[in-house]
Protein backbone atom coordinates (compact mmCIF):
# COMPACT_ATOMS: atom_id res chain seq x y z
CA MET A 1 -75.49 12.90 18.33
CA TYR A 2 -72.91 10.42 17.06
CA SER A 3 -72.15 9.69 13.45
CA THR A 4 -71.56 6.21 12.13
CA GLY A 5 -68.85 5.06 9.76
CA PHE A 6 -65.83 7.09 8.84
CA PRO A 7 -64.88 9.32 5.93
CA SER A 8 -62.34 8.26 3.38
CA PRO A 9 -58.92 9.74 4.29
CA ALA A 10 -58.60 10.95 0.69
CA GLU A 11 -62.22 11.87 0.10
CA HIS A 12 -61.25 15.28 -1.26
CA GLU A 13 -58.56 13.88 -3.56
CA TRP A 14 -60.40 11.67 -6.02
CA GLU A 15 -58.19 9.67 -8.32
CA LYS A 16 -58.98 7.80 -11.47
CA PRO A 17 -60.07 4.19 -10.89
CA LEU A 18 -57.33 1.77 -9.92
CA SER A 19 -56.36 -0.72 -12.61
CA LEU A 20 -54.48 -3.71 -11.25
CA ASP A 21 -53.12 -4.31 -14.75
CA ARG A 22 -51.50 -0.86 -14.85
CA TYR A 23 -50.38 -1.11 -11.23
CA LEU A 24 -48.75 -4.57 -11.43
CA ILE A 25 -47.71 -4.97 -15.06
CA ALA A 26 -45.02 -2.74 -16.57
CA HIS A 27 -44.36 -4.90 -19.64
CA PRO A 28 -47.63 -6.57 -20.74
CA LEU A 29 -46.11 -8.56 -23.59
CA ALA A 30 -43.40 -9.98 -21.31
CA THR A 31 -45.52 -10.64 -18.20
CA PHE A 32 -46.85 -14.04 -17.18
CA PHE A 33 -48.74 -15.49 -14.22
CA MET A 34 -47.62 -18.66 -12.44
CA ARG A 35 -49.38 -20.42 -9.58
CA VAL A 36 -47.29 -21.62 -6.62
CA GLY A 37 -47.64 -25.34 -6.01
CA GLY A 38 -45.52 -26.13 -2.95
CA ASP A 39 -45.19 -24.84 0.59
CA SER A 40 -41.40 -24.50 0.86
CA LEU A 41 -41.49 -20.68 0.61
CA ILE A 42 -44.11 -19.90 3.27
CA ALA A 43 -41.41 -18.47 5.56
CA HIS A 44 -40.69 -15.96 2.78
CA GLY A 45 -44.34 -14.95 2.38
CA ILE A 46 -45.02 -17.05 -0.73
CA HIS A 47 -47.86 -19.52 -0.12
CA PRO A 48 -49.35 -22.47 -2.02
CA GLY A 49 -51.94 -21.19 -4.49
CA ASP A 50 -50.42 -17.71 -4.72
CA ILE A 51 -50.17 -16.32 -8.23
CA LEU A 52 -46.75 -14.92 -9.05
CA ILE A 53 -46.57 -12.05 -11.51
CA VAL A 54 -43.44 -12.71 -13.55
CA ASP A 55 -41.83 -10.13 -15.85
CA ARG A 56 -39.37 -11.48 -18.39
CA ALA A 57 -38.27 -7.97 -19.42
CA VAL A 58 -36.78 -7.14 -16.01
CA THR A 59 -33.10 -7.73 -15.34
CA PRO A 60 -32.67 -9.69 -12.10
CA LYS A 61 -30.55 -8.31 -9.28
CA VAL A 62 -29.35 -9.69 -5.95
CA GLY A 63 -32.30 -10.11 -3.59
CA ASP A 64 -34.92 -10.55 -6.34
CA TRP A 65 -37.18 -13.58 -6.43
CA VAL A 66 -37.01 -15.19 -9.85
CA ILE A 67 -38.34 -18.11 -11.82
CA ALA A 68 -35.29 -20.23 -12.58
CA VAL A 69 -35.01 -23.17 -14.92
CA GLU A 70 -33.50 -26.16 -13.13
CA THR A 71 -33.18 -29.56 -14.81
CA GLY A 72 -35.95 -28.76 -17.25
CA SER A 73 -38.52 -27.43 -14.78
CA PHE A 74 -39.31 -24.11 -13.12
CA ALA A 75 -38.35 -23.23 -9.55
CA VAL A 76 -38.75 -20.06 -7.47
CA ARG A 77 -35.37 -18.89 -6.24
CA CYS A 78 -33.87 -15.82 -4.58
CA VAL A 79 -30.91 -14.33 -6.45
CA GLU A 80 -27.73 -14.37 -4.37
CA ARG A 81 -24.20 -13.22 -5.17
CA GLY A 82 -22.17 -15.79 -7.07
CA GLN A 83 -25.08 -18.14 -7.55
CA PRO A 84 -25.40 -19.20 -11.20
CA LEU A 85 -29.06 -19.36 -12.22
CA MET A 86 -30.77 -19.73 -15.55
CA VAL A 87 -33.39 -17.02 -14.96
CA TRP A 88 -36.63 -17.24 -16.93
CA GLY A 89 -38.23 -14.14 -15.35
CA VAL A 90 -38.32 -11.90 -12.29
CA VAL A 91 -41.19 -12.08 -9.79
CA VAL A 92 -42.57 -8.53 -9.59
CA GLY A 93 -45.72 -9.20 -7.60
CA ILE A 94 -47.89 -11.75 -5.83
CA ALA A 95 -51.69 -12.09 -5.96
CA ARG A 96 -53.49 -13.95 -3.20
CA LYS A 97 -57.18 -14.49 -2.44
CA LEU A 98 -58.00 -14.28 1.23
CA ARG A 99 -61.42 -15.96 0.97
């Protein structure tokens, strides 16, 4: 006799329900969502329609993706050494619907 399906790998270790708010948002009062409009960052895994989770309470460091203010509008930029940016917030996550 063969069984169908498969057991959960952590069936014996039940955890409390997952809250995406608690998982993705460390600073609720300083966190904002922004939708990506262009396709210039696809090579970096950021696609049109993605929702960026932006935390204004996080200090940016080299290699972070940030929301920068450039000539009065927002732009997604990667922080590099020696690059002056007016950082509005740090991208801490991305939400994307697959269907």
